[in-house]
Amino acid sequence: MSWDQLSAFAQSSPILTLAFVGLTLAVVINEVRLRLSGIPVLSPAAATRRMNSEEALVVDVSPAADFAKAHILGSISMPLSGFDPERHKVLGKAKARPLIVVCRAGTTARDAAKKLKKAGYADVSLLDGGIAGWRQADLPLAKAR
């Protein structure tokens, strides 16, 4: 596609062009914010290594119904709607453990990770892509019984 064709398209479809530019900016801003937050993002393979070698605890902040459908084996459910790290029995005892925060697509977990850092949890990271990224890496998921 030449510059002339692109320019002609932009002039003939200003709404689509603005939508494309807006979405592109939103993705770039989101990625920059994530990188500047100081919270590392782990690939599914790196998360698995941390779970196996460092006994990292996976905290799933998805709604309870989504957690019941599919979750990472050994993860704990702590929906973002009632997220309180200090009052959760397992999480309250895990301040020294590495934590990997996960949600369905990897977007809402960042808020929970920030709250955990603020509450004094030192080693907090995010799973890149969330459960969708885990599934895409062809890693196993568990279902509630």
N, C-alpha and C. Protein backbone atom coordinates (compact mmCIF):
# COMPACT_ATOMS: atom_id res chain seq x y z
N MET A 1 0.85 -1.17 0.00
CA MET A 1 0.00 0.00 0.00
C MET A 1 0.90 1.24 0.00
N SER A 2 0.63 2.13 -0.91
CA SER A 2 1.45 3.33 -1.02
C SER A 2 0.92 4.42 -0.09
N TRP A 3 1.73 5.43 0.10
CA TRP A 3 1.35 6.57 0.94
C TRP A 3 0.12 7.28 0.36
N ASP A 4 0.05 7.37 -0.97
CA ASP A 4 -1.10 8.02 -1.63
C ASP A 4 -2.39 7.26 -1.35
N GLN A 5 -2.33 5.93 -1.39
CA GLN A 5 -3.52 5.13 -1.10
C GLN A 5 -3.94 5.29 0.36
N LEU A 6 -2.98 5.30 1.25
CA LEU A 6 -3.26 5.47 2.67
C LEU A 6 -3.86 6.84 2.94
N SER A 7 -3.31 7.84 2.32
CA SER A 7 -3.83 9.21 2.48
C SER A 7 -5.25 9.32 1.93
N ALA A 8 -5.50 8.68 0.79
CA ALA A 8 -6.84 8.71 0.20
C ALA A 8 -7.84 7.99 1.11
N PHE A 9 -7.43 6.88 1.68
CA PHE A 9 -8.32 6.16 2.60
C PHE A 9 -8.63 7.02 3.83
N ALA A 10 -7.60 7.66 4.40
CA ALA A 10 -7.80 8.50 5.58
C ALA A 10 -8.75 9.66 5.29
N GLN A 11 -8.66 10.22 4.11
CA GLN A 11 -9.54 11.33 3.74
C GLN A 11 -10.96 10.86 3.47
N SER A 12 -11.12 9.67 2.93
CA SER A 12 -12.47 9.19 2.61
C SER A 12 -13.15 8.52 3.80
N SER A 13 -12.38 8.11 4.81
CA SER A 13 -12.94 7.42 5.99
C SER A 13 -12.37 8.02 7.27
N PRO A 14 -12.73 9.26 7.59
CA PRO A 14 -12.13 9.90 8.77
C PRO A 14 -12.50 9.21 10.08
N ILE A 15 -13.70 8.66 10.17
CA ILE A 15 -14.11 8.00 11.42
C ILE A 15 -13.29 6.74 11.66
N LEU A 16 -13.11 5.93 10.62
CA LEU A 16 -12.29 4.72 10.75
C LEU A 16 -10.84 5.08 11.06
N THR A 17 -10.35 6.12 10.43
CA THR A 17 -8.97 6.55 10.67
C THR A 17 -8.79 7.00 12.11
N LEU A 18 -9.73 7.80 12.61
CA LEU A 18 -9.66 8.25 14.01
C LEU A 18 -9.77 7.07 14.98
N ALA A 19 -10.63 6.13 14.67
CA ALA A 19 -10.77 4.94 15.52
C ALA A 19 -9.46 4.15 15.56
N PHE A 20 -8.84 3.97 14.39
CA PHE A 20 -7.57 3.26 14.33
C PHE A 20 -6.48 3.98 15.12
N VAL A 21 -6.38 5.27 14.95
CA VAL A 21 -5.37 6.06 15.67
C VAL A 21 -5.64 6.01 17.17
N GLY A 22 -6.91 6.13 17.56
CA GLY A 22 -7.27 6.09 18.98
C GLY A 22 -6.94 4.75 19.62
N LEU A 23 -7.27 3.67 18.94
CA LEU A 23 -6.97 2.34 19.48
C LEU A 23 -5.47 2.09 19.55
N THR A 24 -4.75 2.55 18.54
CA THR A 24 -3.30 2.39 18.55
C THR A 24 -2.68 3.14 19.72
N LEU A 25 -3.13 4.38 19.94
CA LEU A 25 -2.63 5.16 21.07
C LEU A 25 -2.98 4.50 22.40
N ALA A 26 -4.19 3.97 22.52
CA ALA A 26 -4.60 3.31 23.76
C ALA A 26 -3.71 2.11 24.07
N VAL A 27 -3.39 1.32 23.06
CA VAL A 27 -2.52 0.16 23.26
C VAL A 27 -1.12 0.61 23.66
N VAL A 28 -0.59 1.62 22.99
CA VAL A 28 0.76 2.10 23.30
C VAL A 28 0.80 2.68 24.71
N ILE A 29 -0.18 3.49 25.08
CA ILE A 29 -0.22 4.08 26.42
C ILE A 29 -0.33 3.00 27.48
N ASN A 30 -1.17 2.00 27.23
CA ASN A 30 -1.33 0.90 28.19
C ASN A 30 -0.02 0.15 28.39
N GLU A 31 0.69 -0.13 27.31
CA GLU A 31 1.97 -0.83 27.41
C GLU A 31 3.02 0.01 28.13
N VAL A 32 3.06 1.29 27.86
CA VAL A 32 4.02 2.17 28.52
C VAL A 32 3.72 2.23 30.02
N ARG A 33 2.46 2.38 30.38
CA ARG A 33 2.07 2.40 31.80
C ARG A 33 2.46 1.10 32.49
N LEU A 34 2.25 -0.02 31.81
CA LEU A 34 2.59 -1.31 32.37
C LEU A 34 4.10 -1.42 32.60
N ARG A 35 4.88 -1.00 31.63
CA ARG A 35 6.34 -1.10 31.76
C ARG A 35 6.88 -0.15 32.84
N LEU A 36 6.24 1.02 33.00
CA LEU A 36 6.70 1.99 34.00
C LEU A 36 6.19 1.70 35.40
N SER A 37 5.26 0.77 35.54
CA SER A 37 4.67 0.48 36.85
C SER A 37 5.65 -0.23 37.78
N GLY A 38 6.70 -0.81 37.23
CA GLY A 38 7.68 -1.50 38.06
C GLY A 38 7.25 -2.91 38.41
N ILE A 39 6.15 -3.38 37.85
CA ILE A 39 5.68 -4.74 38.12
C ILE A 39 6.07 -5.59 36.92
N PRO A 40 6.93 -6.60 37.14
CA PRO A 40 7.37 -7.42 36.01
C PRO A 40 6.22 -8.23 35.41
N VAL A 41 6.31 -8.45 34.12
CA VAL A 41 5.34 -9.27 33.40
C VAL A 41 6.04 -10.55 32.97
N LEU A 42 5.49 -11.68 33.38
CA LEU A 42 6.11 -12.98 33.10
C LEU A 42 5.39 -13.69 31.97
N SER A 43 6.14 -14.32 31.11
CA SER A 43 5.54 -15.20 30.11
C SER A 43 5.00 -16.43 30.83
N PRO A 44 4.11 -17.18 30.21
CA PRO A 44 3.63 -18.40 30.85
C PRO A 44 4.77 -19.36 31.23
N ALA A 45 5.78 -19.46 30.38
CA ALA A 45 6.91 -20.35 30.68
C ALA A 45 7.69 -19.85 31.90
N ALA A 46 7.93 -18.56 31.97
CA ALA A 46 8.64 -17.99 33.12
C ALA A 46 7.81 -18.13 34.40
N ALA A 47 6.50 -17.95 34.28
CA ALA A 47 5.62 -18.12 35.45
C ALA A 47 5.67 -19.56 35.94
N THR A 48 5.66 -20.51 35.02
CA THR A 48 5.74 -21.92 35.40
C THR A 48 7.04 -22.22 36.13
N ARG A 49 8.14 -21.66 35.63
CA ARG A 49 9.43 -21.85 36.30
C ARG A 49 9.40 -21.30 37.72
N ARG A 50 8.82 -20.10 37.88
CA ARG A 50 8.74 -19.50 39.23
C ARG A 50 7.84 -20.32 40.14
N MET A 51 6.77 -20.85 39.61
CA MET A 51 5.86 -21.68 40.40
C MET A 51 6.56 -22.95 40.87
N ASN A 52 7.36 -23.54 40.00
CA ASN A 52 8.02 -24.80 40.32
C ASN A 52 9.27 -24.62 41.18
N SER A 53 10.10 -23.63 40.87
CA SER A 53 11.37 -23.49 41.58
C SER A 53 11.30 -22.59 42.81
N GLU A 54 10.41 -21.60 42.80
CA GLU A 54 10.35 -20.65 43.91
C GLU A 54 9.03 -20.74 44.69
N GLU A 55 8.20 -21.71 44.34
CA GLU A 55 6.90 -21.89 44.97
C GLU A 55 6.06 -20.61 44.94
N ALA A 56 6.08 -19.95 43.78
CA ALA A 56 5.28 -18.74 43.62
C ALA A 56 3.80 -19.09 43.73
N LEU A 57 3.05 -18.21 44.37
CA LEU A 57 1.62 -18.39 44.55
C LEU A 57 0.90 -17.61 43.46
N VAL A 58 -0.02 -18.26 42.77
CA VAL A 58 -0.79 -17.62 41.71
C VAL A 58 -2.09 -17.12 42.31
N VAL A 59 -2.33 -15.82 42.15
CA VAL A 59 -3.54 -15.18 42.67
C VAL A 59 -4.40 -14.81 41.48
N ASP A 60 -5.56 -15.46 41.37
CA ASP A 60 -6.47 -15.23 40.25
C ASP A 60 -7.54 -14.24 40.69
N VAL A 61 -7.58 -13.07 40.05
CA VAL A 61 -8.53 -12.01 40.43
C VAL A 61 -9.76 -11.99 39.53
N SER A 62 -9.98 -13.06 38.79
CA SER A 62 -11.16 -13.18 37.94
C SER A 62 -12.41 -13.36 38.79
N PRO A 63 -13.57 -13.05 38.25
CA PRO A 63 -14.81 -13.35 38.98
C PRO A 63 -14.88 -14.84 39.32
N ALA A 64 -15.56 -15.16 40.42
CA ALA A 64 -15.62 -16.54 40.91
C ALA A 64 -16.16 -17.51 39.86
N ALA A 65 -17.13 -17.08 39.08
CA ALA A 65 -17.70 -17.96 38.05
C ALA A 65 -16.66 -18.29 36.98
N ASP A 66 -15.85 -17.31 36.60
CA ASP A 66 -14.80 -17.55 35.61
C ASP A 66 -13.71 -18.45 36.19
N PHE A 67 -13.38 -18.23 37.46
CA PHE A 67 -12.38 -19.06 38.12
C PHE A 67 -12.84 -20.52 38.13
N ALA A 68 -14.13 -20.74 38.40
CA ALA A 68 -14.67 -22.10 38.44
C ALA A 68 -14.59 -22.78 37.08
N LYS A 69 -14.72 -22.01 36.00
CA LYS A 69 -14.67 -22.59 34.65
C LYS A 69 -13.27 -23.04 34.29
N ALA A 70 -12.26 -22.23 34.62
CA ALA A 70 -10.88 -22.56 34.27
C ALA A 70 -9.92 -21.70 35.08
N HIS A 71 -8.96 -22.36 35.72
CA HIS A 71 -7.93 -21.64 36.47
C HIS A 71 -6.64 -22.45 36.47
N ILE A 72 -5.57 -21.78 36.81
CA ILE A 72 -4.27 -22.44 36.88
C ILE A 72 -4.25 -23.32 38.13
N LEU A 73 -3.80 -24.53 37.96
CA LEU A 73 -3.75 -25.49 39.05
C LEU A 73 -2.96 -24.93 40.23
N GLY A 74 -3.54 -24.95 41.41
CA GLY A 74 -2.88 -24.45 42.61
C GLY A 74 -3.09 -22.97 42.87
N SER A 75 -3.79 -22.28 41.97
CA SER A 75 -4.01 -20.85 42.18
C SER A 75 -5.12 -20.63 43.21
N ILE A 76 -5.13 -19.44 43.80
CA ILE A 76 -6.19 -19.10 44.73
C ILE A 76 -7.09 -18.06 44.08
N SER A 77 -8.36 -18.14 44.40
CA SER A 77 -9.34 -17.21 43.84
C SER A 77 -9.51 -16.03 44.79
N MET A 78 -9.35 -14.84 44.24
CA MET A 78 -9.55 -13.62 45.00
C MET A 78 -10.10 -12.57 44.05
N PRO A 79 -11.42 -12.64 43.76
CA PRO A 79 -12.00 -11.73 42.77
C PRO A 79 -11.69 -10.27 43.06
N LEU A 80 -11.45 -9.53 42.02
CA LEU A 80 -11.10 -8.12 42.13
C LEU A 80 -12.21 -7.32 42.80
N SER A 81 -13.45 -7.76 42.65
CA SER A 81 -14.58 -7.03 43.24
C SER A 81 -14.49 -6.95 44.76
N GLY A 82 -13.93 -7.95 45.40
CA GLY A 82 -13.78 -7.93 46.86
C GLY A 82 -12.33 -8.08 47.28
N PHE A 83 -11.44 -7.50 46.52
CA PHE A 83 -10.00 -7.71 46.73
C PHE A 83 -9.51 -7.04 48.00
N ASP A 84 -9.08 -7.85 48.96
CA ASP A 84 -8.51 -7.35 50.21
C ASP A 84 -7.42 -8.32 50.66
N PRO A 85 -6.17 -8.05 50.30
CA PRO A 85 -5.09 -8.99 50.59
C PRO A 85 -4.89 -9.26 52.09
N GLU A 86 -5.18 -8.30 52.91
CA GLU A 86 -4.94 -8.47 54.35
C GLU A 86 -5.94 -9.43 54.99
N ARG A 87 -7.13 -9.55 54.43
CA ARG A 87 -8.17 -10.38 55.04
C ARG A 87 -8.24 -11.79 54.48
N HIS A 88 -7.50 -12.06 53.42
CA HIS A 88 -7.51 -13.39 52.81
C HIS A 88 -6.58 -14.30 53.61
N LYS A 89 -7.07 -15.47 54.03
CA LYS A 89 -6.30 -16.36 54.90
C LYS A 89 -4.98 -16.79 54.29
N VAL A 90 -5.01 -17.31 53.07
CA VAL A 90 -3.79 -17.82 52.44
C VAL A 90 -2.85 -16.67 52.07
N LEU A 91 -3.41 -15.63 51.49
CA LEU A 91 -2.59 -14.51 51.03
C LEU A 91 -1.97 -13.74 52.19
N GLY A 92 -2.68 -13.65 53.30
CA GLY A 92 -2.14 -12.95 54.46
C GLY A 92 -0.87 -13.58 55.00
N LYS A 93 -0.73 -14.89 54.80
CA LYS A 93 0.46 -15.61 55.29
C LYS A 93 1.56 -15.71 54.23
N ALA A 94 1.35 -15.10 53.08
CA ALA A 94 2.28 -15.29 51.96
C ALA A 94 3.07 -14.04 51.60
N LYS A 95 3.30 -13.15 52.55
CA LYS A 95 4.02 -11.90 52.21
C LYS A 95 5.44 -12.15 51.72
N ALA A 96 6.06 -13.23 52.15
CA ALA A 96 7.43 -13.51 51.75
C ALA A 96 7.51 -14.30 50.44
N ARG A 97 6.39 -14.86 49.99
CA ARG A 97 6.39 -15.68 48.78
C ARG A 97 6.26 -14.80 47.54
N PRO A 98 6.82 -15.25 46.43
CA PRO A 98 6.56 -14.56 45.16
C PRO A 98 5.10 -14.76 44.76
N LEU A 99 4.48 -13.70 44.27
CA LEU A 99 3.09 -13.76 43.83
C LEU A 99 3.01 -13.48 42.34
N ILE A 100 2.17 -14.25 41.66
CA ILE A 100 1.88 -14.02 40.25
C ILE A 100 0.39 -13.73 40.16
N VAL A 101 0.04 -12.53 39.73
CA VAL A 101 -1.36 -12.12 39.66
C VAL A 101 -1.86 -12.35 38.24
N VAL A 102 -3.04 -12.94 38.14
CA VAL A 102 -3.60 -13.30 36.85
C VAL A 102 -5.09 -12.98 36.81
N CYS A 103 -5.56 -12.65 35.61
CA CYS A 103 -6.99 -12.47 35.36
C CYS A 103 -7.30 -13.17 34.04
N ARG A 104 -8.42 -12.91 33.46
CA ARG A 104 -8.80 -13.61 32.22
C ARG A 104 -7.90 -13.24 31.05
N ALA A 105 -7.70 -11.94 30.81
CA ALA A 105 -6.96 -11.52 29.62
C ALA A 105 -5.67 -10.78 29.95
N GLY A 106 -5.39 -10.56 31.22
CA GLY A 106 -4.16 -9.89 31.60
C GLY A 106 -4.26 -8.39 31.75
N THR A 107 -5.46 -7.85 31.78
CA THR A 107 -5.61 -6.39 31.86
C THR A 107 -6.00 -5.90 33.25
N THR A 108 -6.87 -6.60 33.94
CA THR A 108 -7.32 -6.12 35.26
C THR A 108 -6.41 -6.55 36.40
N ALA A 109 -5.55 -7.49 36.15
CA ALA A 109 -4.65 -7.96 37.20
C ALA A 109 -3.69 -6.87 37.67
N ARG A 110 -3.40 -5.92 36.82
CA ARG A 110 -2.46 -4.85 37.18
C ARG A 110 -2.96 -4.06 38.40
N ASP A 111 -4.26 -3.79 38.48
CA ASP A 111 -4.80 -3.05 39.62
C ASP A 111 -4.59 -3.83 40.91
N ALA A 112 -4.82 -5.13 40.86
CA ALA A 112 -4.62 -5.97 42.04
C ALA A 112 -3.14 -6.02 42.42
N ALA A 113 -2.26 -6.10 41.43
CA ALA A 113 -0.82 -6.14 41.69
C ALA A 113 -0.36 -4.85 42.37
N LYS A 114 -0.90 -3.73 41.94
CA LYS A 114 -0.56 -2.45 42.58
C LYS A 114 -1.01 -2.44 44.03
N LYS A 115 -2.19 -2.96 44.30
CA LYS A 115 -2.70 -3.02 45.68
C LYS A 115 -1.83 -3.93 46.53
N LEU A 116 -1.37 -5.02 45.96
CA LEU A 116 -0.50 -5.93 46.70
C LEU A 116 0.83 -5.27 47.04
N LYS A 117 1.40 -4.56 46.07
CA LYS A 117 2.66 -3.84 46.33
C LYS A 117 2.47 -2.81 47.43
N LYS A 118 1.34 -2.11 47.37
CA LYS A 118 1.04 -1.09 48.37
C LYS A 118 0.84 -1.69 49.75
N ALA A 119 0.33 -2.93 49.80
CA ALA A 119 0.09 -3.62 51.07
C ALA A 119 1.35 -4.27 51.64
N GLY A 120 2.48 -4.15 50.92
CA GLY A 120 3.74 -4.64 51.47
C GLY A 120 4.24 -5.95 50.89
N TYR A 121 3.58 -6.45 49.86
CA TYR A 121 4.07 -7.66 49.20
C TYR A 121 5.17 -7.24 48.24
N ALA A 122 6.37 -7.75 48.46
CA ALA A 122 7.53 -7.26 47.72
C ALA A 122 7.68 -7.88 46.33
N ASP A 123 7.43 -9.17 46.21
CA ASP A 123 7.71 -9.88 44.96
C ASP A 123 6.40 -10.19 44.23
N VAL A 124 5.91 -9.20 43.48
CA VAL A 124 4.64 -9.33 42.76
C VAL A 124 4.91 -9.20 41.26
N SER A 125 4.33 -10.10 40.49
CA SER A 125 4.47 -10.02 39.04
C SER A 125 3.12 -10.36 38.39
N LEU A 126 3.05 -10.12 37.10
CA LEU A 126 1.83 -10.36 36.33
C LEU A 126 2.08 -11.46 35.30
N LEU A 127 1.03 -12.21 34.99
CA LEU A 127 1.12 -13.21 33.93
C LEU A 127 0.74 -12.54 32.62
N ASP A 128 1.64 -12.55 31.68
CA ASP A 128 1.39 -11.93 30.37
C ASP A 128 0.24 -12.63 29.65
N GLY A 129 -0.80 -11.88 29.34
CA GLY A 129 -1.94 -12.45 28.63
C GLY A 129 -2.97 -13.12 29.50
N GLY A 130 -2.70 -13.24 30.80
CA GLY A 130 -3.66 -13.85 31.71
C GLY A 130 -3.94 -15.31 31.36
N ILE A 131 -5.14 -15.75 31.72
CA ILE A 131 -5.54 -17.13 31.44
C ILE A 131 -5.56 -17.39 29.93
N ALA A 132 -5.91 -16.38 29.15
CA ALA A 132 -5.90 -16.54 27.69
C ALA A 132 -4.49 -16.83 27.19
N GLY A 133 -3.49 -16.13 27.74
CA GLY A 133 -2.10 -16.38 27.36
C GLY A 133 -1.62 -17.75 27.82
N TRP A 134 -2.08 -18.16 29.00
CA TRP A 134 -1.75 -19.49 29.54
C TRP A 134 -2.31 -20.57 28.61
N ARG A 135 -3.57 -20.38 28.22
CA ARG A 135 -4.24 -21.33 27.33
C ARG A 135 -3.54 -21.35 25.96
N GLN A 136 -3.15 -20.18 25.47
CA GLN A 136 -2.48 -20.09 24.17
C GLN A 136 -1.13 -20.80 24.19
N ALA A 137 -0.48 -20.82 25.36
CA ALA A 137 0.79 -21.53 25.51
C ALA A 137 0.58 -23.03 25.67
N ASP A 138 -0.67 -23.44 25.60
CA ASP A 138 -1.06 -24.85 25.69
C ASP A 138 -0.67 -25.46 27.03
N LEU A 139 -0.86 -24.69 28.11
CA LEU A 139 -0.59 -25.17 29.45
C LEU A 139 -1.90 -25.60 30.09
N PRO A 140 -1.85 -26.54 31.03
CA PRO A 140 -3.09 -27.11 31.59
C PRO A 140 -3.83 -26.14 32.51
N LEU A 141 -5.16 -26.28 32.48
CA LEU A 141 -6.03 -25.54 33.35
C LEU A 141 -6.90 -26.50 34.14
N ALA A 142 -7.28 -26.11 35.33
CA ALA A 142 -8.16 -26.92 36.17
C ALA A 142 -9.55 -26.31 36.19
N LYS A 143 -10.53 -27.12 36.54
CA LYS A 143 -11.91 -26.66 36.69
C LYS A 143 -12.36 -26.98 38.09
N ALA A 144 -13.25 -26.15 38.63
CA ALA A 144 -13.80 -26.41 39.96
C ALA A 144 -14.70 -27.63 39.87
N ARG A 145 -14.74 -28.38 40.96
CA ARG A 145 -15.58 -29.58 40.98
C ARG A 145 -16.91 -29.30 41.57
